[in-house]
Amino acid sequence: MLLRDISAGKDPQLKAVREILDHVDPDVLLLMGIDWDYDGRALAALNATLARPFPYLYAPQPNAGLPSGVDLDGNGALGEARDAQGYGRFLGQGGMAIVSRLPILTTDTHNFSTLLWRDLPETSVNNAQLSNEALAVQRLSSVGHWDVPVAMPDGQTLHLFAFAATPPVFDGPEDRNGWRNHDEAAFWLRYLDGDLAQAPPNAPFVLLGDFDIDPQDGEGRRAALRALLSDPRLQDASPQSDGGKLAADADHKGDPSQDTADFNGPGNLRVDYVLPSARLQVTGAGVMWPAPGAPLAKAAERASRHKLVWVDILAP
């Protein structure tokens, strides 16, 4: 259906996405919430509609909608969306993809999406009260954890640490999703610490994705997020927007100008991040959330409740 809507060229959300991407015109982009298909036809079709299509695409199969064969949520029924490795009514629903103007070094990528949750060093899985059957098959990644290197114009390699975490809600008192969301972020701390079988790269990197948790507001277990934001190996450019500032929630503690998503229930939250490594020089950053009445304000509203986060960097 996504491919059908892209091909028809009439869907208002897809038109808005195209407007935003054509305006920002990034060199490298992590797309969230895009349905995956085996041949990558939907991603290729969306890319072809852009004013400047990206020459390099990367979108391996996500865990979203991947059947686990087990009653993961423990409700006594099998084969439901919450029994997939990541929530999804079909394989690939709400996946992610990287599109780039810089060459993607596909032979050097590392896809950690098959890592079992129980095998993450210092895992929190025992707090989530999974059944033995679920514990044996449950992967950490609800969508994916990728280390994707791209070749920069000066010959250096830039690594993209990409992931999308599960929302820390929609569960019961065991807080299964809250613990999993925490550990999906904590994965990158373990990777950078060298605690996994695959050693981290000795090269500049950018950690980016939908962390699905705010530093101060909304629900969630924030220890891993706060550890990442304060880690000296990373830097937070604190991207801001006029639209987020003007749409502030009166009961929130965080800086509303840094919010990246407009949710009906919990309100506006900062859940999407682009965190360059400390070795990179940041020259600009922002959230594509224009003030009401400003150019592209309607497009940003229609494109997604998540707003595009951008950071400009210079290689060391």
Protein backbone atom coordinates (compact mmCIF):
# COMPACT_ATOMS: atom_id res chain seq x y z
CA MET A 1 0.00 0.00 0.00
CA LEU A 2 2.91 2.35 0.67
CA LEU A 3 4.28 1.70 -2.80
CA ARG A 4 0.79 2.26 -4.25
CA ASP A 5 0.43 5.60 -2.47
CA ILE A 6 3.91 6.76 -3.50
CA SER A 7 3.26 5.80 -7.11
CA ALA A 8 -0.09 7.60 -7.14
CA GLY A 9 1.55 10.81 -5.90
CA LYS A 10 -1.60 12.07 -4.20
CA ASP A 11 -1.10 11.22 -0.53
CA PRO A 12 -0.83 14.49 1.47
CA GLN A 13 1.56 13.00 4.04
CA LEU A 14 3.95 11.77 1.37
CA LYS A 15 3.81 15.15 -0.37
CA ALA A 16 4.69 16.82 2.93
CA VAL A 17 7.60 14.44 3.53
CA ARG A 18 8.93 15.27 0.09
CA GLU A 19 8.63 19.01 0.75
CA ILE A 20 10.57 18.71 4.00
CA LEU A 21 13.32 16.55 2.52
CA ASP A 22 13.70 18.74 -0.55
CA HIS A 23 14.02 21.80 1.66
CA VAL A 24 16.52 20.40 4.17
CA ASP A 25 18.41 18.46 1.46
CA PRO A 26 20.63 16.46 3.83
CA ASP A 27 23.75 14.57 2.80
CA VAL A 28 22.80 11.60 5.01
CA LEU A 29 19.33 10.81 6.30
CA LEU A 30 17.90 8.19 8.64
CA LEU A 31 14.25 7.64 7.74
CA MET A 32 12.04 6.31 10.53
CA GLY A 33 8.71 4.55 10.33
CA ILE A 34 9.00 3.55 6.67
CA ASP A 35 7.55 0.15 5.79
CA TRP A 36 10.15 -2.34 4.57
CA ASP A 37 9.70 -4.65 1.60
CA TYR A 38 12.05 -7.35 0.36
CA ASP A 39 13.09 -5.61 -2.86
CA GLY A 40 13.17 -2.12 -1.39
CA ARG A 41 10.64 -0.93 -3.95
CA ALA A 42 8.81 1.51 -1.67
CA LEU A 43 12.04 3.16 -0.51
CA ALA A 44 13.31 3.40 -4.07
CA ALA A 45 10.00 4.89 -5.25
CA LEU A 46 10.00 7.50 -2.46
CA ASN A 47 13.61 8.38 -3.23
CA ALA A 48 12.78 8.82 -6.92
CA THR A 49 10.18 11.49 -6.10
CA LEU A 50 12.75 13.79 -4.46
CA ALA A 51 14.20 16.77 -6.27
CA ARG A 52 17.65 15.29 -5.71
CA PRO A 53 17.35 11.52 -5.22
CA PHE A 54 19.96 9.88 -3.01
CA PRO A 55 22.39 7.59 -4.86
CA TYR A 56 22.94 5.20 -1.92
CA LEU A 57 20.22 3.34 0.01
CA TYR A 58 20.50 0.94 2.95
CA ALA A 59 17.49 -0.86 4.41
CA PRO A 60 17.99 -4.40 5.71
CA GLN A 61 15.07 -6.36 7.11
CA PRO A 62 13.97 -4.90 10.45
CA ASN A 63 12.69 -6.74 13.51
CA ALA A 64 9.42 -4.82 13.24
CA GLY A 65 6.66 -7.29 12.43
CA LEU A 66 9.06 -10.26 12.38
CA PRO A 67 7.17 -13.27 13.82
CA SER A 68 8.75 -14.69 16.96
CA GLY A 69 6.65 -17.87 17.15
CA VAL A 70 6.10 -17.18 20.85
CA ASP A 71 3.46 -15.43 22.93
CA LEU A 72 5.81 -12.58 23.82
CA ASP A 73 3.27 -10.39 25.61
CA GLY A 74 1.86 -13.30 27.60
CA ASN A 75 -1.81 -12.69 26.80
CA GLY A 76 -2.46 -16.27 25.75
CA ALA A 77 -2.73 -15.56 22.01
CA LEU A 78 -0.12 -16.17 19.31
CA GLY A 79 0.69 -14.28 16.14
CA GLU A 80 -0.47 -10.84 17.23
CA ALA A 81 1.37 -7.61 16.48
CA ARG A 82 2.91 -7.57 19.99
CA ASP A 83 4.21 -11.12 19.53
CA ALA A 84 6.53 -9.97 16.76
CA GLN A 85 10.15 -9.19 17.60
CA GLY A 86 9.15 -5.54 17.24
CA TYR A 87 5.57 -4.34 17.11
CA GLY A 88 4.10 -4.86 13.65
CA ARG A 89 1.00 -6.28 12.03
CA PHE A 90 3.13 -7.42 9.09
CA LEU A 91 6.83 -7.98 8.46
CA GLY A 92 8.57 -4.64 8.04
CA GLN A 93 5.82 -2.35 9.31
CA GLY A 94 7.45 0.86 10.54
CA GLY A 95 11.03 -0.01 9.67
CA MET A 96 13.91 2.35 9.04
CA ALA A 97 16.31 3.16 6.22
CA ILE A 98 19.45 5.17 5.55
CA VAL A 99 19.73 7.19 2.35
CA SER A 100 22.94 9.00 1.54
CA ARG A 101 24.84 11.13 -0.92
CA LEU A 102 28.04 9.72 0.55
CA PRO A 103 28.96 6.16 -0.49
CA ILE A 104 27.67 3.57 1.97
CA LEU A 105 30.35 0.97 2.63
CA THR A 106 27.90 -1.90 2.65
CA THR A 107 30.51 -4.66 3.02
CA ASP A 108 31.68 -3.08 6.29
CA THR A 109 28.28 -2.62 7.96
CA HIS A 110 27.38 -4.36 11.21
CA ASN A 111 23.77 -5.28 11.88
CA PHE A 112 23.23 -6.17 15.54
CA SER A 113 19.50 -6.75 15.20
CA THR A 114 19.67 -10.49 15.96
CA LEU A 115 21.26 -9.96 19.39
CA LEU A 116 19.06 -11.56 22.05
CA TRP A 117 18.00 -9.21 24.82
CA ARG A 118 19.31 -11.64 27.45
CA ASP A 119 22.78 -11.56 25.83
CA LEU A 120 23.32 -7.81 26.22
CA PRO A 121 25.96 -7.23 28.91
CA GLU A 122 24.35 -5.81 32.08
CA THR A 123 20.93 -6.59 30.63
CA SER A 124 17.73 -5.54 32.38
CA VAL A 125 15.71 -8.36 30.83
CA ASN A 126 15.23 -10.18 34.14
CA ASN A 127 13.19 -7.21 35.38
CA ALA A 128 10.72 -7.57 32.50
CA GLN A 129 9.21 -10.87 33.74
CA LEU A 130 9.36 -12.65 30.38
CA SER A 131 8.41 -16.30 30.16
CA ASN A 132 11.21 -18.80 29.60
CA GLU A 133 9.95 -19.26 26.03
CA ALA A 134 10.02 -15.51 25.39
CA LEU A 135 13.41 -15.11 27.06
CA ALA A 136 14.88 -17.67 24.68
CA VAL A 137 13.87 -15.82 21.52
CA GLN A 138 13.31 -12.14 22.37
CA ARG A 139 15.72 -9.89 20.49
CA LEU A 140 16.91 -6.62 21.97
CA SER A 141 16.16 -4.50 18.89
CA SER A 142 12.52 -3.65 18.28
CA VAL A 143 13.49 -2.34 14.83
CA GLY A 144 17.27 -2.55 14.48
CA HIS A 145 20.72 -1.53 15.70
CA TRP A 146 23.11 -0.73 12.86
CA ASP A 147 26.66 0.49 12.49
CA VAL A 148 26.78 1.80 8.92
CA PRO A 149 30.00 3.42 7.63
CA VAL A 150 29.95 6.04 4.89
CA ALA A 151 32.92 7.44 2.97
CA MET A 152 33.45 11.17 3.45
CA PRO A 153 34.85 13.35 0.65
CA ASP A 154 38.25 13.64 2.36
CA GLY A 155 38.66 9.86 2.42
CA GLN A 156 37.79 9.40 6.08
CA THR A 157 35.04 7.04 7.22
CA LEU A 158 32.06 8.22 9.25
CA HIS A 159 30.07 5.59 11.13
CA LEU A 160 26.31 5.94 11.57
CA PHE A 161 25.04 4.27 14.75
CA ALA A 162 21.33 4.00 13.94
CA PHE A 163 18.41 2.57 15.90
CA ALA A 164 14.75 3.00 16.77
CA ALA A 165 13.64 2.03 20.27
CA THR A 166 10.29 0.71 21.44
CA PRO A 167 8.05 3.20 23.27
CA PRO A 168 8.38 2.73 27.05
CA VAL A 169 4.59 2.38 27.36
CA PHE A 170 1.79 0.06 26.13
CA ASP A 171 2.60 -2.70 28.62
CA GLY A 172 1.67 -3.71 32.17
CA PRO A 173 3.09 -3.30 35.67
CA GLU A 174 6.12 -5.42 34.71
CA ASP A 175 7.18 -2.49 32.47
CA ARG A 176 8.50 -4.76 29.76
CA ASN A 177 8.69 -1.96 27.19
CA GLY A 178 10.24 0.45 29.67
CA TRP A 179 13.10 -1.93 30.43
CA ARG A 180 13.57 -2.78 26.77
CA ASN A 181 13.62 0.88 25.74
CA HIS A 182 16.32 1.48 28.37
CA ASP A 183 18.46 -1.40 27.13
CA GLU A 184 18.09 -0.43 23.47
CA ALA A 185 19.80 2.85 24.33
CA ALA A 186 22.24 1.16 26.72
CA PHE A 187 23.41 -1.05 23.83
CA TRP A 188 25.45 1.86 22.49
CA LEU A 189 27.19 2.34 25.83
CA ARG A 190 28.19 -1.33 25.82
CA TYR A 191 29.33 -1.07 22.20
CA LEU A 192 31.47 2.01 22.85
CA ASP A 193 32.90 0.40 25.99
CA GLY A 194 34.04 -2.59 23.95
CA ASP A 195 31.82 -5.04 25.84
CA LEU A 196 30.39 -6.72 22.74
CA ALA A 197 31.92 -9.32 20.44
CA GLN A 198 32.26 -6.67 17.72
CA ALA A 199 34.78 -3.94 18.64
CA PRO A 200 33.69 -0.32 18.11
CA PRO A 201 35.32 1.59 15.24
CA ASN A 202 38.30 3.84 15.82
CA ALA A 203 36.71 6.54 13.70
CA PRO A 204 34.27 9.43 14.06
CA PHE A 205 30.62 8.47 14.37
CA VAL A 206 27.13 9.87 14.79
CA LEU A 207 24.55 8.18 17.02
CA LEU A 208 21.10 8.92 15.63
CA GLY A 209 17.56 7.65 15.78
CA ASP A 210 14.24 7.60 17.57
CA PHE A 211 15.28 6.89 21.17
CA ASP A 212 11.58 7.21 22.12
CA ILE A 213 12.33 8.75 25.51
CA ASP A 214 12.63 12.33 26.76
CA PRO A 215 15.33 13.40 29.24
CA GLN A 216 12.78 14.84 31.69
CA ASP A 217 9.16 14.51 30.56
CA GLY A 218 6.85 11.64 29.75
CA GLU A 219 7.38 8.04 30.84
CA GLY A 220 10.45 5.85 30.68
CA ARG A 221 13.62 4.73 32.44
CA ARG A 222 16.09 7.51 31.66
CA ALA A 223 19.40 6.22 33.05
CA ALA A 224 20.82 5.03 29.72
CA LEU A 225 19.66 8.13 27.85
CA ARG A 226 21.18 10.44 30.42
CA ALA A 227 24.41 8.44 30.36
CA LEU A 228 24.61 8.90 26.59
CA LEU A 229 23.86 12.62 26.75
CA SER A 230 26.62 13.12 29.34
CA ASP A 231 29.15 10.72 27.80
CA PRO A 232 32.37 12.61 26.88
CA ARG A 233 32.66 10.53 23.70
CA LEU A 234 29.46 12.17 22.41
CA GLN A 235 28.21 15.72 22.08
CA ASP A 236 24.67 17.04 22.20
CA ALA A 237 24.17 20.05 19.94
CA SER A 238 20.73 20.58 21.56
CA PRO A 239 18.83 21.23 18.28
CA GLN A 240 15.96 23.68 18.69
CA SER A 241 12.94 25.03 16.85
CA ASP A 242 10.59 27.99 17.06
CA GLY A 243 7.58 25.73 16.58
CA GLY A 244 8.41 23.56 19.55
CA LYS A 245 9.03 26.58 21.76
CA LEU A 246 5.66 28.11 20.85
CA ALA A 247 3.85 24.80 21.42
CA ALA A 248 5.20 24.38 24.96
CA ASP A 249 3.33 22.19 27.44
CA ALA A 250 2.76 24.09 30.66
CA ASP A 251 3.38 21.08 32.90
CA HIS A 252 6.64 19.95 31.27
CA LYS A 253 10.09 20.43 32.79
CA GLY A 254 12.24 20.24 29.65
CA ASP A 255 13.12 22.99 27.18
CA PRO A 256 10.19 22.95 24.71
CA SER A 257 12.37 24.33 21.90
CA GLN A 258 14.23 21.00 21.95
CA ASP A 259 11.09 18.86 21.59
CA THR A 260 11.00 16.74 18.46
CA ALA A 261 7.58 15.10 18.51
CA ASP A 262 4.00 16.26 18.96
CA PHE A 263 2.05 13.56 20.82
CA ASN A 264 -1.62 13.82 21.74
CA GLY A 265 -1.36 12.06 25.10
CA PRO A 266 1.98 12.86 26.78
CA GLY A 267 2.35 16.13 24.90
CA ASN A 268 5.45 17.34 23.09
CA LEU A 269 8.63 15.40 23.86
CA ARG A 270 12.27 15.23 22.81
CA VAL A 271 12.58 11.65 21.58
CA ASP A 272 14.64 11.96 18.35
CA TYR A 273 18.38 12.59 18.59
CA VAL A 274 21.47 13.18 16.46
CA LEU A 275 24.57 12.92 18.66
CA PRO A 276 27.92 13.36 16.86
CA SER A 277 31.08 11.96 18.41
CA ALA A 278 33.32 14.41 20.23
CA ARG A 279 35.88 14.24 17.41
CA LEU A 280 33.50 16.01 15.02
CA GLN A 281 32.98 19.77 14.82
CA VAL A 282 29.34 20.83 14.96
CA THR A 283 28.57 23.96 12.94
CA GLY A 284 24.78 24.03 13.17
CA ALA A 285 21.74 22.12 14.40
CA GLY A 286 17.98 22.41 14.50
CA VAL A 287 14.57 20.75 14.53
CA MET A 288 12.39 21.20 11.45
CA TRP A 289 9.36 22.49 13.39
CA PRO A 290 8.52 25.94 11.99
CA ALA A 291 6.39 28.42 13.88
CA PRO A 292 2.71 28.55 12.81
CA GLY A 293 2.36 30.50 9.58
CA ALA A 294 6.04 30.16 8.68
CA PRO A 295 7.07 28.48 5.41
CA LEU A 296 6.70 24.68 5.56
CA ALA A 297 4.81 24.81 8.87
CA LYS A 298 1.89 22.90 7.35
CA ALA A 299 4.24 20.44 5.67
CA ALA A 300 6.02 19.69 8.95
CA GLU A 301 2.65 19.13 10.61
CA ARG A 302 1.41 16.75 7.89
CA ALA A 303 4.66 14.85 7.39
CA SER A 304 4.80 13.28 10.84
CA ARG A 305 4.27 13.89 14.52
CA HIS A 306 8.06 13.40 14.67
CA LYS A 307 9.99 16.37 13.32
CA LEU A 308 13.19 16.12 11.30
CA VAL A 309 16.31 16.74 13.43
CA TRP A 310 19.41 18.00 11.60
CA VAL A 311 23.03 18.60 12.58
CA ASP A 312 25.79 20.03 10.39
CA ILE A 313 29.25 18.64 11.07
CA LEU A 314 32.82 19.05 9.84
CA ALA A 315 35.27 16.16 9.76
CA PRO A 316 38.25 16.44 12.12
